Protein backbone atom coordinates (compact mmCIF):
# COMPACT_ATOMS: atom_id res chain seq x y z
CA UNK A 1 0.00 0.00 0.00
CA UNK A 2 1.38 3.40 -0.98
CA UNK A 3 -0.18 6.60 0.41
CA UNK A 4 2.31 8.99 -1.14
CA UNK A 5 5.17 7.89 1.11
CA UNK A 6 7.35 4.82 1.42
CA UNK A 7 6.19 2.28 3.96
CA UNK A 8 8.96 -0.23 4.72
CA UNK A 9 7.84 -3.64 5.89
CA UNK A 10 7.61 -3.62 9.68
CA UNK A 11 7.68 -6.76 11.77
CA UNK A 12 5.79 -7.18 15.02
CA UNK A 13 7.26 -5.08 17.82
CA UNK A 14 9.03 -2.60 15.56
CA UNK A 15 8.13 1.06 15.27
CA UNK A 16 7.64 2.65 11.87
CA UNK A 17 8.72 6.30 11.61
CA UNK A 18 7.40 8.25 8.65
CA UNK A 19 8.53 11.79 7.89
CA UNK A 20 6.18 14.17 6.11
CA UNK A 21 6.97 17.46 4.41
CA UNK A 22 4.23 19.32 6.29
CA UNK A 23 1.98 18.96 9.33
CA UNK A 24 -1.13 19.18 7.15
CA UNK A 25 0.06 16.25 5.01
CA UNK A 26 0.80 14.25 8.15
CA UNK A 27 -2.65 15.03 9.59
CA UNK A 28 -4.36 14.16 6.29
CA UNK A 29 -2.58 10.80 6.07
CA UNK A 30 -3.27 10.04 9.75
CA UNK A 31 -7.00 10.75 9.33
CA UNK A 32 -7.18 8.66 6.12
CA UNK A 33 -5.35 5.81 7.86
CA UNK A 34 -7.70 6.08 10.85
CA UNK A 35 -10.81 5.91 8.66
CA UNK A 36 -9.55 2.79 6.90
CA UNK A 37 -8.54 1.13 10.17
CA UNK A 38 -11.88 1.90 11.87
CA UNK A 39 -13.79 0.13 9.10
CA UNK A 40 -12.11 -3.10 10.15
CA UNK A 41 -12.71 -2.64 13.90
CA UNK A 42 -15.67 -4.53 15.31
CA UNK A 43 -16.98 -4.14 18.84
CA UNK A 44 -18.40 -7.32 20.30
CA UNK A 45 -21.77 -6.67 21.86
CA UNK A 46 -22.66 -8.67 24.91
CA UNK A 47 -26.10 -10.18 25.22
CA UNK A 48 -28.38 -8.91 27.99
CA UNK A 49 -27.75 -12.12 29.90
CA UNK A 50 -23.96 -11.66 29.62
CA UNK A 51 -24.26 -8.02 30.73
CA UNK A 52 -26.29 -9.02 33.82
CA UNK A 53 -23.85 -11.81 34.55
CA UNK A 54 -20.80 -9.55 34.25
CA UNK A 55 -22.65 -6.52 35.65
CA UNK A 56 -21.11 -4.27 32.98
CA UNK A 57 -22.99 -1.22 31.80
CA UNK A 58 -22.99 -0.84 28.00
CA UNK A 59 -21.37 2.59 28.36
CA UNK A 60 -18.53 1.25 30.51
CA UNK A 61 -17.79 -1.62 28.13
CA UNK A 62 -17.69 0.79 25.16
CA UNK A 63 -15.08 3.01 26.82
CA UNK A 64 -12.87 -0.03 27.44
CA UNK A 65 -13.23 -1.35 23.87
CA UNK A 66 -10.27 -1.53 21.53
CA UNK A 67 -12.09 0.56 18.90
CA UNK A 68 -12.74 3.43 21.34
CA UNK A 69 -9.24 3.37 22.84
CA UNK A 70 -7.62 3.50 19.39
CA UNK A 71 -9.91 6.33 18.22
CA UNK A 72 -9.35 8.30 21.45
CA UNK A 73 -5.59 8.01 21.04
CA UNK A 74 -5.73 9.22 17.41
CA UNK A 75 -7.96 12.18 18.31
CA UNK A 76 -5.53 13.22 21.05
CA UNK A 77 -2.60 12.89 18.63
CA UNK A 78 -4.25 15.05 15.97
CA UNK A 79 -5.86 17.76 18.13
CA UNK A 80 -3.50 17.73 21.15
CA UNK A 81 -4.67 18.08 24.75
CA UNK A 82 -6.29 21.53 24.64
CA UNK A 83 -9.95 22.17 25.41
CA UNK A 84 -11.62 23.33 22.19
CA UNK A 85 -14.24 25.23 24.19
CA UNK A 86 -12.30 27.21 26.81
CA UNK A 87 -8.71 26.75 25.59
CA UNK A 88 -7.28 25.38 28.84
CA UNK A 89 -4.53 22.74 28.81
CA UNK A 90 -3.44 20.13 31.37
CA UNK A 91 0.10 21.53 31.42
CA UNK A 92 -0.90 25.15 32.13
CA UNK A 93 -4.11 24.70 34.13
CA UNK A 94 -3.78 21.27 35.77
CA UNK A 95 -7.01 19.97 34.22
CA UNK A 96 -8.20 16.67 32.79
CA UNK A 97 -9.21 16.55 29.11
CA UNK A 98 -11.86 14.28 27.60
CA UNK A 99 -12.34 13.11 24.05
CA UNK A 100 -15.96 14.14 23.58
CA UNK A 101 -18.63 12.97 21.16
CA UNK A 102 -19.95 16.16 19.52
CA UNK A 103 -23.24 14.41 18.85
CA UNK A 104 -23.79 12.30 21.99
CA UNK A 105 -23.64 8.51 21.89
CA UNK A 106 -26.98 8.30 23.68
CA UNK A 107 -28.73 9.90 20.69
CA UNK A 108 -26.39 9.14 17.76
CA UNK A 109 -24.98 5.69 18.45
CA UNK A 110 -24.04 5.20 14.79
CA UNK A 111 -21.46 8.03 15.20
CA UNK A 112 -19.78 6.63 18.33
CA UNK A 113 -16.58 5.67 16.46
CA UNK A 114 -16.63 8.45 13.85
CA UNK A 115 -13.46 10.59 13.94
CA UNK A 116 -15.39 13.62 12.64
CA UNK A 117 -17.73 13.41 15.66
CA UNK A 118 -14.88 13.89 18.16
CA UNK A 119 -13.52 16.96 19.92
CA UNK A 120 -11.29 17.65 22.92
CA UNK A 121 -12.98 19.24 25.94
CA UNK A 122 -11.80 19.70 29.50
CA UNK A 123 -13.75 17.81 32.16
CA UNK A 124 -15.66 20.96 33.25
CA UNK A 125 -16.79 21.84 29.71
CA UNK A 126 -17.66 18.24 28.82
CA UNK A 127 -19.65 17.55 31.99
CA UNK A 128 -21.45 20.89 31.62
CA UNK A 129 -22.27 20.05 28.00
CA UNK A 130 -23.55 16.58 28.87
CA UNK A 131 -25.71 15.12 26.08
CA UNK A 132 -27.88 18.23 25.66
CA UNK A 133 -25.59 20.31 23.44
CA UNK A 134 -24.25 19.45 19.98
CA UNK A 135 -21.89 22.42 19.62
CA UNK A 136 -18.95 21.52 17.39
CA UNK A 137 -16.16 23.65 18.90
CA UNK A 138 -13.76 22.46 16.23
CA UNK A 139 -15.52 24.21 13.35
CA UNK A 140 -16.59 27.42 15.09
CA UNK A 141 -14.72 30.62 14.31
CA UNK A 142 -13.21 32.71 17.10
CA UNK A 143 -16.00 35.28 16.61
CA UNK A 144 -18.68 32.58 16.98
CA UNK A 145 -17.05 31.35 20.19
CA UNK A 146 -16.90 34.91 21.58
CA UNK A 147 -20.62 35.46 20.84
CA UNK A 148 -21.60 32.14 22.46
CA UNK A 149 -19.58 32.89 25.60
CA UNK A 150 -21.09 36.39 25.79
CA UNK A 151 -24.63 34.97 25.54
CA UNK A 152 -23.83 32.40 28.25
CA UNK A 153 -22.67 35.19 30.59
CA UNK A 154 -25.90 37.15 30.00
CA UNK A 155 -28.26 34.18 30.32
C-alpha atoms as a PDB file:
ATOM      1  CA  UNK A   1       0.000   0.000   0.000  1.00  0.00           C
ATOM      2  CA  UNK A   2       1.383   3.403  -0.979  1.00  0.00           C
ATOM      3  CA  UNK A   3      -0.179   6.603   0.410  1.00  0.00           C
ATOM      4  CA  UNK A   4       2.314   8.993  -1.141  1.00  0.00           C
ATOM      5  CA  UNK A   5       5.173   7.887   1.105  1.00  0.00           C
ATOM      6  CA  UNK A   6       7.353   4.820   1.423  1.00  0.00           C
ATOM      7  CA  UNK A   7       6.193   2.278   3.962  1.00  0.00           C
ATOM      8  CA  UNK A   8       8.956  -0.229   4.724  1.00  0.00           C
ATOM      9  CA  UNK A   9       7.839  -3.639   5.892  1.00  0.00           C
ATOM     10  CA  UNK A  10       7.611  -3.619   9.680  1.00  0.00           C
ATOM     11  CA  UNK A  11       7.681  -6.756  11.766  1.00  0.00           C
ATOM     12  CA  UNK A  12       5.792  -7.184  15.023  1.00  0.00           C
ATOM     13  CA  UNK A  13       7.261  -5.084  17.825  1.00  0.00           C
ATOM     14  CA  UNK A  14       9.030  -2.603  15.560  1.00  0.00           C
ATOM     15  CA  UNK A  15       8.134   1.063  15.268  1.00  0.00           C
ATOM     16  CA  UNK A  16       7.645   2.646  11.871  1.00  0.00           C
ATOM     17  CA  UNK A  17       8.716   6.300  11.609  1.00  0.00           C
ATOM     18  CA  UNK A  18       7.397   8.252   8.651  1.00  0.00           C
ATOM     19  CA  UNK A  19       8.526  11.789   7.895  1.00  0.00           C
ATOM     20  CA  UNK A  20       6.177  14.175   6.110  1.00  0.00           C
ATOM     21  CA  UNK A  21       6.965  17.463   4.408  1.00  0.00           C
ATOM     22  CA  UNK A  22       4.230  19.324   6.286  1.00  0.00           C
ATOM     23  CA  UNK A  23       1.979  18.964   9.329  1.00  0.00           C
ATOM     24  CA  UNK A  24      -1.133  19.175   7.148  1.00  0.00           C
ATOM     25  CA  UNK A  25       0.061  16.254   5.011  1.00  0.00           C
ATOM     26  CA  UNK A  26       0.797  14.247   8.146  1.00  0.00           C
ATOM     27  CA  UNK A  27      -2.648  15.029   9.594  1.00  0.00           C
ATOM     28  CA  UNK A  28      -4.356  14.162   6.286  1.00  0.00           C
ATOM     29  CA  UNK A  29      -2.577  10.799   6.073  1.00  0.00           C
ATOM     30  CA  UNK A  30      -3.273  10.043   9.748  1.00  0.00           C
ATOM     31  CA  UNK A  31      -6.997  10.749   9.328  1.00  0.00           C
ATOM     32  CA  UNK A  32      -7.183   8.660   6.120  1.00  0.00           C
ATOM     33  CA  UNK A  33      -5.355   5.811   7.861  1.00  0.00           C
ATOM     34  CA  UNK A  34      -7.704   6.083  10.848  1.00  0.00           C
ATOM     35  CA  UNK A  35     -10.815   5.914   8.664  1.00  0.00           C
ATOM     36  CA  UNK A  36      -9.553   2.786   6.897  1.00  0.00           C
ATOM     37  CA  UNK A  37      -8.538   1.128  10.168  1.00  0.00           C
ATOM     38  CA  UNK A  38     -11.881   1.900  11.869  1.00  0.00           C
ATOM     39  CA  UNK A  39     -13.794   0.134   9.105  1.00  0.00           C
ATOM     40  CA  UNK A  40     -12.110  -3.102  10.152  1.00  0.00           C
ATOM     41  CA  UNK A  41     -12.714  -2.639  13.896  1.00  0.00           C
ATOM     42  CA  UNK A  42     -15.672  -4.533  15.311  1.00  0.00           C
ATOM     43  CA  UNK A  43     -16.982  -4.139  18.841  1.00  0.00           C
ATOM     44  CA  UNK A  44     -18.399  -7.317  20.299  1.00  0.00           C
ATOM     45  CA  UNK A  45     -21.765  -6.669  21.857  1.00  0.00           C
ATOM     46  CA  UNK A  46     -22.661  -8.671  24.912  1.00  0.00           C
ATOM     47  CA  UNK A  47     -26.101 -10.181  25.225  1.00  0.00           C
ATOM     48  CA  UNK A  48     -28.385  -8.909  27.993  1.00  0.00           C
ATOM     49  CA  UNK A  49     -27.750 -12.118  29.897  1.00  0.00           C
ATOM     50  CA  UNK A  50     -23.959 -11.656  29.621  1.00  0.00           C
ATOM     51  CA  UNK A  51     -24.256  -8.021  30.734  1.00  0.00           C
ATOM     52  CA  UNK A  52     -26.291  -9.021  33.821  1.00  0.00           C
ATOM     53  CA  UNK A  53     -23.847 -11.811  34.551  1.00  0.00           C
ATOM     54  CA  UNK A  54     -20.802  -9.553  34.250  1.00  0.00           C
ATOM     55  CA  UNK A  55     -22.647  -6.516  35.646  1.00  0.00           C
ATOM     56  CA  UNK A  56     -21.114  -4.269  32.980  1.00  0.00           C
ATOM     57  CA  UNK A  57     -22.993  -1.220  31.803  1.00  0.00           C
ATOM     58  CA  UNK A  58     -22.992  -0.840  28.001  1.00  0.00           C
ATOM     59  CA  UNK A  59     -21.369   2.588  28.356  1.00  0.00           C
ATOM     60  CA  UNK A  60     -18.532   1.252  30.512  1.00  0.00           C
ATOM     61  CA  UNK A  61     -17.786  -1.624  28.132  1.00  0.00           C
ATOM     62  CA  UNK A  62     -17.692   0.794  25.158  1.00  0.00           C
ATOM     63  CA  UNK A  63     -15.082   3.013  26.818  1.00  0.00           C
ATOM     64  CA  UNK A  64     -12.871  -0.029  27.438  1.00  0.00           C
ATOM     65  CA  UNK A  65     -13.234  -1.355  23.873  1.00  0.00           C
ATOM     66  CA  UNK A  66     -10.270  -1.531  21.527  1.00  0.00           C
ATOM     67  CA  UNK A  67     -12.094   0.560  18.904  1.00  0.00           C
ATOM     68  CA  UNK A  68     -12.738   3.426  21.337  1.00  0.00           C
ATOM     69  CA  UNK A  69      -9.242   3.371  22.844  1.00  0.00           C
ATOM     70  CA  UNK A  70      -7.620   3.505  19.388  1.00  0.00           C
ATOM     71  CA  UNK A  71      -9.906   6.326  18.215  1.00  0.00           C
ATOM     72  CA  UNK A  72      -9.351   8.295  21.445  1.00  0.00           C
ATOM     73  CA  UNK A  73      -5.591   8.014  21.036  1.00  0.00           C
ATOM     74  CA  UNK A  74      -5.735   9.217  17.408  1.00  0.00           C
ATOM     75  CA  UNK A  75      -7.958  12.182  18.307  1.00  0.00           C
ATOM     76  CA  UNK A  76      -5.532  13.223  21.049  1.00  0.00           C
ATOM     77  CA  UNK A  77      -2.598  12.888  18.633  1.00  0.00           C
ATOM     78  CA  UNK A  78      -4.248  15.045  15.973  1.00  0.00           C
ATOM     79  CA  UNK A  79      -5.858  17.759  18.132  1.00  0.00           C
ATOM     80  CA  UNK A  80      -3.504  17.726  21.151  1.00  0.00           C
ATOM     81  CA  UNK A  81      -4.675  18.082  24.748  1.00  0.00           C
ATOM     82  CA  UNK A  82      -6.294  21.526  24.644  1.00  0.00           C
ATOM     83  CA  UNK A  83      -9.950  22.174  25.407  1.00  0.00           C
ATOM     84  CA  UNK A  84     -11.619  23.328  22.188  1.00  0.00           C
ATOM     85  CA  UNK A  85     -14.236  25.230  24.191  1.00  0.00           C
ATOM     86  CA  UNK A  86     -12.304  27.205  26.811  1.00  0.00           C
ATOM     87  CA  UNK A  87      -8.712  26.754  25.592  1.00  0.00           C
ATOM     88  CA  UNK A  88      -7.277  25.383  28.844  1.00  0.00           C
ATOM     89  CA  UNK A  89      -4.534  22.738  28.813  1.00  0.00           C
ATOM     90  CA  UNK A  90      -3.437  20.131  31.368  1.00  0.00           C
ATOM     91  CA  UNK A  91       0.103  21.532  31.415  1.00  0.00           C
ATOM     92  CA  UNK A  92      -0.897  25.148  32.132  1.00  0.00           C
ATOM     93  CA  UNK A  93      -4.110  24.703  34.128  1.00  0.00           C
ATOM     94  CA  UNK A  94      -3.776  21.274  35.770  1.00  0.00           C
ATOM     95  CA  UNK A  95      -7.009  19.974  34.220  1.00  0.00           C
ATOM     96  CA  UNK A  96      -8.202  16.673  32.788  1.00  0.00           C
ATOM     97  CA  UNK A  97      -9.210  16.548  29.115  1.00  0.00           C
ATOM     98  CA  UNK A  98     -11.856  14.281  27.599  1.00  0.00           C
ATOM     99  CA  UNK A  99     -12.339  13.109  24.046  1.00  0.00           C
ATOM    100  CA  UNK A 100     -15.957  14.135  23.585  1.00  0.00           C
ATOM    101  CA  UNK A 101     -18.625  12.969  21.160  1.00  0.00           C
ATOM    102  CA  UNK A 102     -19.951  16.158  19.522  1.00  0.00           C
ATOM    103  CA  UNK A 103     -23.243  14.409  18.855  1.00  0.00           C
ATOM    104  CA  UNK A 104     -23.786  12.299  21.985  1.00  0.00           C
ATOM    105  CA  UNK A 105     -23.644   8.506  21.889  1.00  0.00           C
ATOM    106  CA  UNK A 106     -26.982   8.304  23.685  1.00  0.00           C
ATOM    107  CA  UNK A 107     -28.729   9.901  20.694  1.00  0.00           C
ATOM    108  CA  UNK A 108     -26.389   9.136  17.760  1.00  0.00           C
ATOM    109  CA  UNK A 109     -24.977   5.687  18.451  1.00  0.00           C
ATOM    110  CA  UNK A 110     -24.036   5.196  14.785  1.00  0.00           C
ATOM    111  CA  UNK A 111     -21.461   8.026  15.195  1.00  0.00           C
ATOM    112  CA  UNK A 112     -19.782   6.635  18.325  1.00  0.00           C
ATOM    113  CA  UNK A 113     -16.585   5.670  16.459  1.00  0.00           C
ATOM    114  CA  UNK A 114     -16.626   8.447  13.848  1.00  0.00           C
ATOM    115  CA  UNK A 115     -13.460  10.592  13.938  1.00  0.00           C
ATOM    116  CA  UNK A 116     -15.387  13.622  12.635  1.00  0.00           C
ATOM    117  CA  UNK A 117     -17.726  13.410  15.656  1.00  0.00           C
ATOM    118  CA  UNK A 118     -14.881  13.886  18.165  1.00  0.00           C
ATOM    119  CA  UNK A 119     -13.519  16.960  19.924  1.00  0.00           C
ATOM    120  CA  UNK A 120     -11.285  17.649  22.916  1.00  0.00           C
ATOM    121  CA  UNK A 121     -12.980  19.237  25.941  1.00  0.00           C
ATOM    122  CA  UNK A 122     -11.804  19.704  29.502  1.00  0.00           C
ATOM    123  CA  UNK A 123     -13.753  17.808  32.158  1.00  0.00           C
ATOM    124  CA  UNK A 124     -15.658  20.957  33.247  1.00  0.00           C
ATOM    125  CA  UNK A 125     -16.792  21.841  29.706  1.00  0.00           C
ATOM    126  CA  UNK A 126     -17.663  18.244  28.818  1.00  0.00           C
ATOM    127  CA  UNK A 127     -19.650  17.550  31.991  1.00  0.00           C
ATOM    128  CA  UNK A 128     -21.446  20.892  31.616  1.00  0.00           C
ATOM    129  CA  UNK A 129     -22.269  20.052  27.996  1.00  0.00           C
ATOM    130  CA  UNK A 130     -23.554  16.581  28.871  1.00  0.00           C
ATOM    131  CA  UNK A 131     -25.714  15.123  26.084  1.00  0.00           C
ATOM    132  CA  UNK A 132     -27.882  18.225  25.663  1.00  0.00           C
ATOM    133  CA  UNK A 133     -25.590  20.309  23.444  1.00  0.00           C
ATOM    134  CA  UNK A 134     -24.250  19.445  19.978  1.00  0.00           C
ATOM    135  CA  UNK A 135     -21.895  22.422  19.621  1.00  0.00           C
ATOM    136  CA  UNK A 136     -18.947  21.516  17.388  1.00  0.00           C
ATOM    137  CA  UNK A 137     -16.159  23.649  18.900  1.00  0.00           C
ATOM    138  CA  UNK A 138     -13.756  22.457  16.232  1.00  0.00           C
ATOM    139  CA  UNK A 139     -15.521  24.212  13.346  1.00  0.00           C
ATOM    140  CA  UNK A 140     -16.585  27.421  15.091  1.00  0.00           C
ATOM    141  CA  UNK A 141     -14.718  30.621  14.313  1.00  0.00           C
ATOM    142  CA  UNK A 142     -13.207  32.712  17.100  1.00  0.00           C
ATOM    143  CA  UNK A 143     -15.997  35.276  16.607  1.00  0.00           C
ATOM    144  CA  UNK A 144     -18.678  32.583  16.980  1.00  0.00           C
ATOM    145  CA  UNK A 145     -17.054  31.350  20.191  1.00  0.00           C
ATOM    146  CA  UNK A 146     -16.897  34.913  21.578  1.00  0.00           C
ATOM    147  CA  UNK A 147     -20.615  35.457  20.840  1.00  0.00           C
ATOM    148  CA  UNK A 148     -21.601  32.145  22.462  1.00  0.00           C
ATOM    149  CA  UNK A 149     -19.580  32.892  25.601  1.00  0.00           C
ATOM    150  CA  UNK A 150     -21.094  36.386  25.794  1.00  0.00           C
ATOM    151  CA  UNK A 151     -24.632  34.968  25.540  1.00  0.00           C
ATOM    152  CA  UNK A 152     -23.827  32.399  28.249  1.00  0.00           C
ATOM    153  CA  UNK A 153     -22.674  35.186  30.586  1.00  0.00           C
ATOM    154  CA  UNK A 154     -25.897  37.148  29.997  1.00  0.00           C
ATOM    155  CA  UNK A 155     -28.257  34.185  30.321  1.00  0.00           C
END
